[in-house]
Amino acid sequence: MKGFDAPPVQMNYDELPALDGAYLRHIRRQSRELFLPLFLLASDRPQLLQLKRAFLSSLDPAYGAGKLRLTEADGTSRHIEVYYASGAEGDEGKTLTGLHWAKYGLVLRAFDPYFYSGEAQAIEFTPGALNLKSFFDGLFLGDFPLNSNHTLNGVSQVTVTGDVDTWPIWFIHGPCSTVSFTRRTMGVADRVFSAALNLAPTDLVVIDTRPGMKSVINRTTGANFWPRLGPSPQLWPISPGSNEVIISVADVGAETAVNLLYTPRYLGA
């Protein structure tokens, strides 16, 4: 196996004409290539052909990405989305194939270079003493670990696991009117977005901040609430470690709650 640790890095920089060295402009992690050796074994030739044909069909990148999951002995796992690139063309050499076995060296391409935790994390924000039984359950969030020691309309210290920034999904359950999300760095607000939602106690709105998937949907009615975002919204990511988060909600009620759902991202498997 190759390519399962750190992803390749591209550095954009300018050479300094009158000074030694260069000025670093930007760092980005590129898509990665993974090499996965496989050995197929069957009890006879017909079973090998059936296994091989089904396996090759499942690799077809025209049907989208596959999920490659690595699980350790302690049960923890991380996964990455990959597309088949090459390596399954076949070779009839004596050391590469036999009557009921075959070897492949698959080359897979991951356009998103990060590995994701096998377990998403949910953080709940509630109105403190007004909080009753949590609205959020497996119907909307799935069976995830839930940290509920955070309050609305105040500064919360949110601890995030992983190696790099991750973009959360926000679940807002009414009643409420205007909602504002602020991230603070060293005590100073650096990213903020707001939305005029005007939710009833039975309404649920989902704000997805992930790149390429950004949306604001009323899960109860299916309506597109993107136009309800405030001007110049900064749908900010959360960083590994401790984050200062302020969720300001107007017209809260006993059922009002906000959940942050994220999947930790890692540089390697």
C-alpha atoms as a PDB file:
ATOM      1  CA  MET A   1       0.000   0.000   0.000  1.00  0.00           C
ATOM      2  CA  LYS A   2       1.173   3.508  -0.831  1.00  0.00           C
ATOM      3  CA  GLY A   3      -0.244   6.990  -0.460  1.00  0.00           C
ATOM      4  CA  PHE A   4      -2.158   6.453   2.799  1.00  0.00           C
ATOM      5  CA  ASP A   5      -0.247   8.965   4.924  1.00  0.00           C
ATOM      6  CA  ALA A   6       0.236  12.699   4.236  1.00  0.00           C
ATOM      7  CA  PRO A   7      -1.269  14.107   1.000  1.00  0.00           C
ATOM      8  CA  PRO A   8       0.937  15.960  -1.513  1.00  0.00           C
ATOM      9  CA  VAL A   9       1.371  19.689  -0.875  1.00  0.00           C
ATOM     10  CA  GLN A  10       1.533  22.519  -3.413  1.00  0.00           C
ATOM     11  CA  MET A  11       3.265  25.736  -2.342  1.00  0.00           C
ATOM     12  CA  ASN A  12       2.675  28.953  -4.268  1.00  0.00           C
ATOM     13  CA  TYR A  13       5.462  31.473  -3.726  1.00  0.00           C
ATOM     14  CA  ASP A  14       7.237  34.438  -5.296  1.00  0.00           C
ATOM     15  CA  GLU A  15      10.993  34.601  -5.692  1.00  0.00           C
ATOM     16  CA  LEU A  16      12.411  37.801  -4.187  1.00  0.00           C
ATOM     17  CA  PRO A  17      14.532  39.647  -6.772  1.00  0.00           C
ATOM     18  CA  ALA A  18      16.752  41.564  -4.343  1.00  0.00           C
ATOM     19  CA  LEU A  19      16.733  39.278  -1.291  1.00  0.00           C
ATOM     20  CA  ASP A  20      17.580  35.690  -0.514  1.00  0.00           C
ATOM     21  CA  GLY A  21      14.810  33.132  -0.668  1.00  0.00           C
ATOM     22  CA  ALA A  22      11.168  33.562  -1.588  1.00  0.00           C
ATOM     23  CA  TYR A  23       7.838  34.775  -0.185  1.00  0.00           C
ATOM     24  CA  LEU A  24       5.273  32.060   0.517  1.00  0.00           C
ATOM     25  CA  ARG A  25       1.853  33.003  -0.856  1.00  0.00           C
ATOM     26  CA  HIS A  26      -0.370  30.002  -0.289  1.00  0.00           C
ATOM     27  CA  ILE A  27      -0.309  26.336   0.666  1.00  0.00           C
ATOM     28  CA  ARG A  28      -2.843  23.831  -0.603  1.00  0.00           C
ATOM     29  CA  ARG A  29      -3.093  20.061  -0.325  1.00  0.00           C
ATOM     30  CA  GLN A  30      -3.585  18.392  -3.675  1.00  0.00           C
ATOM     31  CA  SER A  31      -5.595  15.360  -4.675  1.00  0.00           C
ATOM     32  CA  ARG A  32      -3.776  12.152  -3.879  1.00  0.00           C
ATOM     33  CA  GLU A  33      -3.017   8.859  -5.574  1.00  0.00           C
ATOM     34  CA  LEU A  34      -3.270   5.613  -3.628  1.00  0.00           C
ATOM     35  CA  PHE A  35      -1.795   2.241  -4.559  1.00  0.00           C
ATOM     36  CA  LEU A  36      -3.682  -0.807  -3.289  1.00  0.00           C
ATOM     37  CA  PRO A  37      -2.360  -4.349  -3.962  1.00  0.00           C
ATOM     38  CA  LEU A  38      -5.073  -7.026  -4.138  1.00  0.00           C
ATOM     39  CA  PHE A  39      -5.043 -10.807  -4.318  1.00  0.00           C
ATOM     40  CA  LEU A  40      -8.167 -12.596  -5.577  1.00  0.00           C
ATOM     41  CA  LEU A  41      -8.545 -16.276  -4.721  1.00  0.00           C
ATOM     42  CA  ALA A  42     -11.309 -18.768  -5.592  1.00  0.00           C
ATOM     43  CA  SER A  43     -11.762 -22.523  -5.298  1.00  0.00           C
ATOM     44  CA  ASP A  44     -11.939 -23.058  -9.077  1.00  0.00           C
ATOM     45  CA  ARG A  45     -11.795 -21.220 -12.409  1.00  0.00           C
ATOM     46  CA  PRO A  46     -15.559 -20.477 -12.803  1.00  0.00           C
ATOM     47  CA  GLN A  47     -15.686 -18.958  -9.308  1.00  0.00           C
ATOM     48  CA  LEU A  48     -12.613 -16.831 -10.029  1.00  0.00           C
ATOM     49  CA  LEU A  49     -14.195 -15.496 -13.229  1.00  0.00           C
ATOM     50  CA  GLN A  50     -17.397 -14.668 -11.378  1.00  0.00           C
ATOM     51  CA  LEU A  51     -15.480 -12.927  -8.574  1.00  0.00           C
ATOM     52  CA  LYS A  52     -13.234 -11.025 -10.963  1.00  0.00           C
ATOM     53  CA  ARG A  53     -16.031  -9.832 -13.238  1.00  0.00           C
ATOM     54  CA  ALA A  54     -18.149  -8.620 -10.336  1.00  0.00           C
ATOM     55  CA  PHE A  55     -15.150  -6.865  -8.813  1.00  0.00           C
ATOM     56  CA  LEU A  56     -14.159  -5.118 -12.049  1.00  0.00           C
ATOM     57  CA  SER A  57     -17.741  -3.962 -12.579  1.00  0.00           C
ATOM     58  CA  SER A  58     -17.796  -2.408  -9.095  1.00  0.00           C
ATOM     59  CA  LEU A  59     -14.690  -0.336  -9.926  1.00  0.00           C
ATOM     60  CA  ASP A  60     -16.342   1.587 -12.777  1.00  0.00           C
ATOM     61  CA  PRO A  61     -15.675   5.310 -12.029  1.00  0.00           C
ATOM     62  CA  ALA A  62     -18.587   6.309 -14.259  1.00  0.00           C
ATOM     63  CA  TYR A  63     -20.900   5.408 -11.355  1.00  0.00           C
ATOM     64  CA  GLY A  64     -19.181   7.747  -8.912  1.00  0.00           C
ATOM     65  CA  ALA A  65     -16.715   7.468  -6.070  1.00  0.00           C
ATOM     66  CA  GLY A  66     -16.145   4.423  -3.927  1.00  0.00           C
ATOM     67  CA  LYS A  67     -15.414   4.516  -0.213  1.00  0.00           C
ATOM     68  CA  LEU A  68     -12.153   2.963   0.946  1.00  0.00           C
ATOM     69  CA  ARG A  69     -12.287   2.224   4.685  1.00  0.00           C
ATOM     70  CA  LEU A  70      -9.371   1.242   6.902  1.00  0.00           C
ATOM     71  CA  THR A  71     -10.171  -0.289  10.294  1.00  0.00           C
ATOM     72  CA  GLU A  72      -7.613  -0.789  13.064  1.00  0.00           C
ATOM     73  CA  ALA A  73      -7.522  -3.626  15.592  1.00  0.00           C
ATOM     74  CA  ASP A  74      -9.197  -1.431  18.219  1.00  0.00           C
ATOM     75  CA  GLY A  75     -12.220  -0.931  15.956  1.00  0.00           C
ATOM     76  CA  THR A  76     -11.525   2.682  14.974  1.00  0.00           C
ATOM     77  CA  SER A  77     -11.766   3.446  11.277  1.00  0.00           C
ATOM     78  CA  ARG A  78     -11.174   6.183   8.730  1.00  0.00           C
ATOM     79  CA  HIS A  79     -12.362   6.364   5.145  1.00  0.00           C
ATOM     80  CA  ILE A  80     -11.599   8.245   1.957  1.00  0.00           C
ATOM     81  CA  GLU A  81     -13.542   8.602  -1.300  1.00  0.00           C
ATOM     82  CA  VAL A  82     -11.662   7.281  -4.331  1.00  0.00           C
ATOM     83  CA  TYR A  83     -12.072   6.672  -8.051  1.00  0.00           C
ATOM     84  CA  TYR A  84     -10.469   3.796  -9.907  1.00  0.00           C
ATOM     85  CA  ALA A  85      -7.723   5.047 -12.240  1.00  0.00           C
ATOM     86  CA  SER A  86      -5.735   2.003 -13.420  1.00  0.00           C
ATOM     87  CA  GLY A  87      -4.164  -1.288 -12.428  1.00  0.00           C
ATOM     88  CA  ALA A  88      -6.987  -3.736 -13.196  1.00  0.00           C
ATOM     89  CA  GLU A  89      -6.136  -4.220 -16.880  1.00  0.00           C
ATOM     90  CA  GLY A  90      -4.884  -7.768 -16.192  1.00  0.00           C
ATOM     91  CA  ASP A  91      -1.584  -9.553 -16.805  1.00  0.00           C
ATOM     92  CA  GLU A  92      -1.247 -13.229 -17.719  1.00  0.00           C
ATOM     93  CA  GLY A  93       2.314 -13.507 -16.410  1.00  0.00           C
ATOM     94  CA  LYS A  94       3.019 -16.610 -14.333  1.00  0.00           C
ATOM     95  CA  THR A  95       3.644 -14.593 -11.170  1.00  0.00           C
ATOM     96  CA  LEU A  96       0.512 -12.469 -11.583  1.00  0.00           C
ATOM     97  CA  THR A  97      -2.305 -14.878 -12.390  1.00  0.00           C
ATOM     98  CA  GLY A  98      -3.213 -18.529 -12.180  1.00  0.00           C
ATOM     99  CA  LEU A  99      -6.110 -20.850 -12.826  1.00  0.00           C
ATOM    100  CA  HIS A 100      -8.031 -19.731  -9.731  1.00  0.00           C
ATOM    101  CA  TRP A 101      -6.137 -16.667  -8.467  1.00  0.00           C
ATOM    102  CA  ALA A 102      -5.094 -13.212  -9.711  1.00  0.00           C
ATOM    103  CA  LYS A 103      -3.036 -10.259  -8.487  1.00  0.00           C
ATOM    104  CA  TYR A 104      -3.808  -6.604  -9.090  1.00  0.00           C
ATOM    105  CA  GLY A 105      -2.085  -3.362  -8.204  1.00  0.00           C
ATOM    106  CA  LEU A 106      -4.886  -0.797  -8.188  1.00  0.00           C
ATOM    107  CA  VAL A 107      -4.187   2.910  -8.628  1.00  0.00           C
ATOM    108  CA  LEU A 108      -6.949   4.993  -7.034  1.00  0.00           C
ATOM    109  CA  ARG A 109      -7.456   8.760  -7.206  1.00  0.00           C
ATOM    110  CA  ALA A 110      -8.840  10.731  -4.239  1.00  0.00           C
ATOM    111  CA  PHE A 111      -9.866  14.236  -5.311  1.00  0.00           C
ATOM    112  CA  ASP A 112     -10.639  15.071  -1.684  1.00  0.00           C
ATOM    113  CA  PRO A 113      -7.227  14.317  -0.108  1.00  0.00           C
ATOM    114  CA  TYR A 114      -8.455  13.887   3.481  1.00  0.00           C
ATOM    115  CA  PHE A 115      -9.421  10.806   5.446  1.00  0.00           C
ATOM    116  CA  TYR A 116     -12.656  11.081   7.431  1.00  0.00           C
ATOM    117  CA  SER A 117     -13.449   9.621  10.809  1.00  0.00           C
ATOM    118  CA  GLY A 118     -15.738   6.614  10.859  1.00  0.00           C
ATOM    119  CA  GLU A 119     -17.877   8.381  13.474  1.00  0.00           C
ATOM    120  CA  ALA A 120     -19.486  11.811  13.069  1.00  0.00           C
ATOM    121  CA  GLN A 121     -19.758  14.129  16.072  1.00  0.00           C
ATOM    122  CA  ALA A 122     -22.794  16.152  17.191  1.00  0.00           C
ATOM    123  CA  ILE A 123     -22.723  19.176  19.515  1.00  0.00           C
ATOM    124  CA  GLU A 124     -25.993  20.516  20.911  1.00  0.00           C
ATOM    125  CA  PHE A 125     -26.732  24.135  21.893  1.00  0.00           C
ATOM    126  CA  THR A 126     -29.820  24.735  24.049  1.00  0.00           C
ATOM    127  CA  PRO A 127     -31.434  27.698  25.869  1.00  0.00           C
ATOM    128  CA  GLY A 128     -30.090  26.561  29.254  1.00  0.00           C
ATOM    129  CA  ALA A 129     -32.797  26.266  31.902  1.00  0.00           C
ATOM    130  CA  LEU A 130     -35.510  26.280  29.245  1.00  0.00           C
ATOM    131  CA  ASN A 131     -34.209  23.049  27.752  1.00  0.00           C
ATOM    132  CA  LEU A 132     -36.618  20.136  27.773  1.00  0.00           C
ATOM    133  CA  LYS A 133     -36.194  16.770  26.071  1.00  0.00           C
ATOM    134  CA  SER A 134     -33.895  17.091  23.056  1.00  0.00           C
ATOM    135  CA  PHE A 135     -35.716  17.221  19.729  1.00  0.00           C
ATOM    136  CA  PHE A 136     -32.749  15.780  17.856  1.00  0.00           C
ATOM    137  CA  ASP A 137     -32.709  12.032  17.525  1.00  0.00           C
ATOM    138  CA  GLY A 138     -31.714   9.322  15.058  1.00  0.00           C
ATOM    139  CA  LEU A 139     -34.399  10.462  12.616  1.00  0.00           C
ATOM    140  CA  PHE A 140     -32.395  13.576  11.725  1.00  0.00           C
ATOM    141  CA  LEU A 141     -28.847  13.124  13.022  1.00  0.00           C
ATOM    142  CA  GLY A 142     -28.287   9.392  13.249  1.00  0.00           C
ATOM    143  CA  ASP A 143     -26.730   7.612  16.219  1.00  0.00           C
ATOM    144  CA  PHE A 144     -23.804   9.931  16.983  1.00  0.00           C
ATOM    145  CA  PRO A 145     -22.020  10.888  20.208  1.00  0.00           C
ATOM    146  CA  LEU A 146     -23.741  14.032  21.505  1.00  0.00           C
ATOM    147  CA  ASN A 147     -22.102  16.782  23.547  1.00  0.00           C
ATOM    148  CA  SER A 148     -24.879  18.979  24.973  1.00  0.00           C
ATOM    149  CA  ASN A 149     -22.943  21.226  27.378  1.00  0.00           C
ATOM    150  CA  HIS A 150     -23.380  24.385  25.296  1.00  0.00           C
ATOM    151  CA  THR A 151     -25.888  27.207  25.461  1.00  0.00           C
ATOM    152  CA  LEU A 152     -27.516  29.595  23.006  1.00  0.00           C
ATOM    153  CA  ASN A 153     -27.012  33.380  23.273  1.00  0.00           C
ATOM    154  CA  GLY A 154     -23.608  33.086  24.899  1.00  0.00           C
ATOM    155  CA  VAL A 155     -19.992  32.190  24.200  1.00  0.00           C
ATOM    156  CA  SER A 156     -19.377  28.425  23.959  1.00  0.00           C
ATOM    157  CA  GLN A 157     -16.029  26.665  23.850  1.00  0.00           C
ATOM    158  CA  VAL A 158     -16.380  23.980  21.184  1.00  0.00           C
ATOM    159  CA  THR A 159     -13.633  21.350  21.052  1.00  0.00           C
ATOM    160  CA  VAL A 160     -13.156  19.734  17.649  1.00  0.00           C
ATOM    161  CA  THR A 161     -11.108  16.641  16.852  1.00  0.00           C
ATOM    162  CA  GLY A 162      -9.176  15.993  13.638  1.00  0.00           C
ATOM    163  CA  ASP A 163      -6.132  17.426  11.875  1.00  0.00           C
ATOM    164  CA  VAL A 164      -7.648  20.107   9.617  1.00  0.00           C
ATOM    165  CA  ASP A 165     -10.637  22.458   9.382  1.00  0.00           C
ATOM    166  CA  THR A 166     -14.034  20.914   8.738  1.00  0.00           C
ATOM    167  CA  TRP A 167     -17.286  22.500   7.534  1.00  0.00           C
ATOM    168  CA  PRO A 168     -20.243  21.666   9.779  1.00  0.00           C
ATOM    169  CA  ILE A 169     -23.912  21.028   9.130  1.00  0.00           C
ATOM    170  CA  TRP A 170     -26.232  23.058  11.381  1.00  0.00           C
ATOM    171  CA  PHE A 171     -29.667  21.816  12.462  1.00  0.00           C
ATOM    172  CA  ILE A 172     -31.971  24.543  13.835  1.00  0.00           C
ATOM    173  CA  HIS A 173     -35.214  23.566  15.523  1.00  0.00           C
ATOM    174  CA  GLY A 174     -37.806  26.255  16.290  1.00  0.00           C
ATOM    175  CA  PRO A 175     -39.318  28.274  17.635  1.00  0.00           C
ATOM    176  CA  CYS A 176     -37.045  31.181  16.732  1.00  0.00           C
ATOM    177  CA  SER A 177     -36.858  34.168  14.400  1.00  0.00           C
ATOM    178  CA  THR A 178     -33.373  35.466  13.535  1.00  0.00           C
ATOM    179  CA  VAL A 179     -30.312  33.246  14.063  1.00  0.00           C
ATOM    180  CA  SER A 180     -26.693  34.447  13.928  1.00  0.00           C
ATOM    181  CA  PHE A 181     -23.578  32.236  13.934  1.00  0.00           C
ATOM    182  CA  THR A 182     -20.257  33.820  14.956  1.00  0.00           C
ATOM    183  CA  ARG A 183     -16.769  32.317  15.200  1.00  0.00           C
ATOM    184  CA  ARG A 184     -14.237  34.139  17.386  1.00  0.00           C
ATOM    185  CA  THR A 185     -10.461  33.879  17.193  1.00  0.00           C
ATOM    186  CA  MET A 186      -8.485  35.157  20.184  1.00  0.00           C
ATOM    187  CA  GLY A 187     -11.614  36.931  21.424  1.00  0.00           C
ATOM    188  CA  VAL A 188     -12.294  38.741  18.131  1.00  0.00           C
ATOM    189  CA  ALA A 189     -15.150  37.834  15.780  1.00  0.00           C
ATOM    190  CA  ASP A 190     -13.643  36.877  12.431  1.00  0.00           C
ATOM    191  CA  ARG A 191     -16.470  35.023  10.649  1.00  0.00           C
ATOM    192  CA  VAL A 192     -20.245  35.465  10.882  1.00  0.00           C
ATOM    193  CA  PHE A 193     -23.449  34.624   9.035  1.00  0.00           C
ATOM    194  CA  SER A 194     -27.108  35.051   9.908  1.00  0.00           C
ATOM    195  CA  ALA A 195     -30.528  33.989   8.696  1.00  0.00           C
ATOM    196  CA  ALA A 196     -34.085  35.246   9.169  1.00  0.00           C
ATOM    197  CA  LEU A 197     -35.812  31.881   9.610  1.00  0.00           C
ATOM    198  CA  ASN A 198     -39.032  32.631  11.562  1.00  0.00           C
ATOM    199  CA  LEU A 199     -39.550  29.023  12.625  1.00  0.00           C
ATOM    200  CA  ALA A 200     -42.523  27.490  14.389  1.00  0.00           C
ATOM    201  CA  PRO A 201     -41.966  24.852  17.131  1.00  0.00           C
ATOM    202  CA  THR A 202     -42.428  22.057  14.572  1.00  0.00           C
ATOM    203  CA  ASP A 203     -39.954  23.457  12.002  1.00  0.00           C
ATOM    204  CA  LEU A 204     -36.434  22.182  11.357  1.00  0.00           C
ATOM    205  CA  VAL A 205     -33.926  24.004   9.100  1.00  0.00           C
ATOM    206  CA  VAL A 206     -30.637  22.476   7.968  1.00  0.00           C
ATOM    207  CA  ILE A 207     -27.712  24.728   6.947  1.00  0.00           C
ATOM    208  CA  ASP A 208     -25.026  22.739   5.124  1.00  0.00           C
ATOM    209  CA  THR A 209     -21.741  24.696   4.906  1.00  0.00           C
ATOM    210  CA  ARG A 210     -19.662  22.023   3.136  1.00  0.00           C
ATOM    211  CA  PRO A 211     -17.934  23.162  -0.103  1.00  0.00           C
ATOM    212  CA  GLY A 212     -19.874  22.058  -3.154  1.00  0.00           C
ATOM    213  CA  MET A 213     -22.904  21.142  -1.013  1.00  0.00           C
ATOM    214  CA  LYS A 214     -23.876  24.483   0.548  1.00  0.00           C
ATOM    215  CA  SER A 215     -27.615  24.785   1.115  1.00  0.00           C
ATOM    216  CA  VAL A 216     -30.274  26.062   3.523  1.00  0.00           C
ATOM    217  CA  ILE A 217     -33.332  23.815   3.533  1.00  0.00           C
ATOM    218  CA  ASN A 218     -36.463  23.715   5.656  1.00  0.00           C
ATOM    219  CA  ARG A 219     -36.481  19.989   6.384  1.00  0.00           C
ATOM    220  CA  THR A 220     -40.120  20.133   7.482  1.00  0.00           C
ATOM    221  CA  THR A 221     -41.503  21.639   4.252  1.00  0.00           C
ATOM    222  CA  GLY A 222     -38.644  21.102   1.802  1.00  0.00           C
ATOM    223  CA  ALA A 223     -38.513  24.836   1.022  1.00  0.00           C
ATOM    224  CA  ASN A 224     -35.261  26.501  -0.072  1.00  0.00           C
ATOM    225  CA  PHE A 225     -34.293  28.996   2.627  1.00  0.00           C
ATOM    226  CA  TRP A 226     -31.057  30.188   0.981  1.00  0.00           C
ATOM    227  CA  PRO A 227     -32.593  33.626   0.183  1.00  0.00           C
ATOM    228  CA  ARG A 228     -33.141  34.100   3.929  1.00  0.00           C
ATOM    229  CA  LEU A 229     -29.402  34.287   4.639  1.00  0.00           C
ATOM    230  CA  GLY A 230     -28.112  37.724   5.612  1.00  0.00           C
ATOM    231  CA  PRO A 231     -25.875  39.818   3.314  1.00  0.00           C
ATOM    232  CA  SER A 232     -22.385  38.435   2.517  1.00  0.00           C
ATOM    233  CA  PRO A 233     -22.734  35.234   4.563  1.00  0.00           C
ATOM    234  CA  GLN A 234     -19.444  33.630   5.654  1.00  0.00           C
ATOM    235  CA  LEU A 235     -20.313  29.953   6.104  1.00  0.00           C
ATOM    236  CA  TRP A 236     -17.226  29.335   8.198  1.00  0.00           C
ATOM    237  CA  PRO A 237     -15.399  26.111   9.043  1.00  0.00           C
ATOM    238  CA  ILE A 238     -14.419  24.960  12.513  1.00  0.00           C
ATOM    239  CA  SER A 239     -10.784  24.273  13.388  1.00  0.00           C
ATOM    240  CA  PRO A 240      -9.147  21.418  15.300  1.00  0.00           C
ATOM    241  CA  GLY A 241      -8.878  22.111  19.016  1.00  0.00           C
ATOM    242  CA  SER A 242     -10.859  24.750  20.889  1.00  0.00           C
ATOM    243  CA  ASN A 243     -13.195  27.150  19.055  1.00  0.00           C
ATOM    244  CA  GLU A 244     -15.165  30.098  20.431  1.00  0.00           C
ATOM    245  CA  VAL A 245     -18.678  29.963  18.994  1.00  0.00           C
ATOM    246  CA  ILE A 246     -21.589  32.341  19.594  1.00  0.00           C
ATOM    247  CA  ILE A 247     -25.072  31.359  18.414  1.00  0.00           C
ATOM    248  CA  SER A 248     -27.487  34.230  18.923  1.00  0.00           C
ATOM    249  CA  VAL A 249     -31.152  33.283  18.592  1.00  0.00           C
ATOM    250  CA  ALA A 250     -34.138  35.623  18.907  1.00  0.00           C
ATOM    251  CA  ASP A 251     -37.520  34.514  20.258  1.00  0.00           C
ATOM    252  CA  VAL A 252     -36.374  31.204  21.703  1.00  0.00           C
ATOM    253  CA  GLY A 253     -38.762  28.749  23.325  1.00  0.00           C
ATOM    254  CA  ALA A 254     -38.519  25.600  25.391  1.00  0.00           C
ATOM    255  CA  GLU A 255     -38.087  23.445  22.264  1.00  0.00           C
ATOM    256  CA  THR A 256     -35.508  25.691  20.568  1.00  0.00           C
ATOM    257  CA  ALA A 257     -32.189  23.934  19.912  1.00  0.00           C
ATOM    258  CA  VAL A 258     -29.273  24.052  17.489  1.00  0.00           C
ATOM    259  CA  ASN A 259     -27.061  21.093  16.635  1.00  0.00           C
ATOM    260  CA  LEU A 260     -23.655  21.205  14.987  1.00  0.00           C
ATOM    261  CA  LEU A 261     -22.790  18.007  13.107  1.00  0.00           C
ATOM    262  CA  TYR A 262     -19.302  17.396  11.722  1.00  0.00           C
ATOM    263  CA  THR A 263     -17.031  14.557  10.658  1.00  0.00           C
ATOM    264  CA  PRO A 264     -13.369  14.906  11.760  1.00  0.00           C
ATOM    265  CA  ARG A 265     -10.881  15.096   8.875  1.00  0.00           C
ATOM    266  CA  TYR A 266      -7.335  13.731   8.993  1.00  0.00           C
ATOM    267  CA  LEU A 267      -4.186  14.054   6.906  1.00  0.00           C
ATOM    268  CA  GLY A 268      -3.616  10.306   6.826  1.00  0.00           C
ATOM    269  CA  ALA A 269      -5.197   6.976   7.584  1.00  0.00           C
END
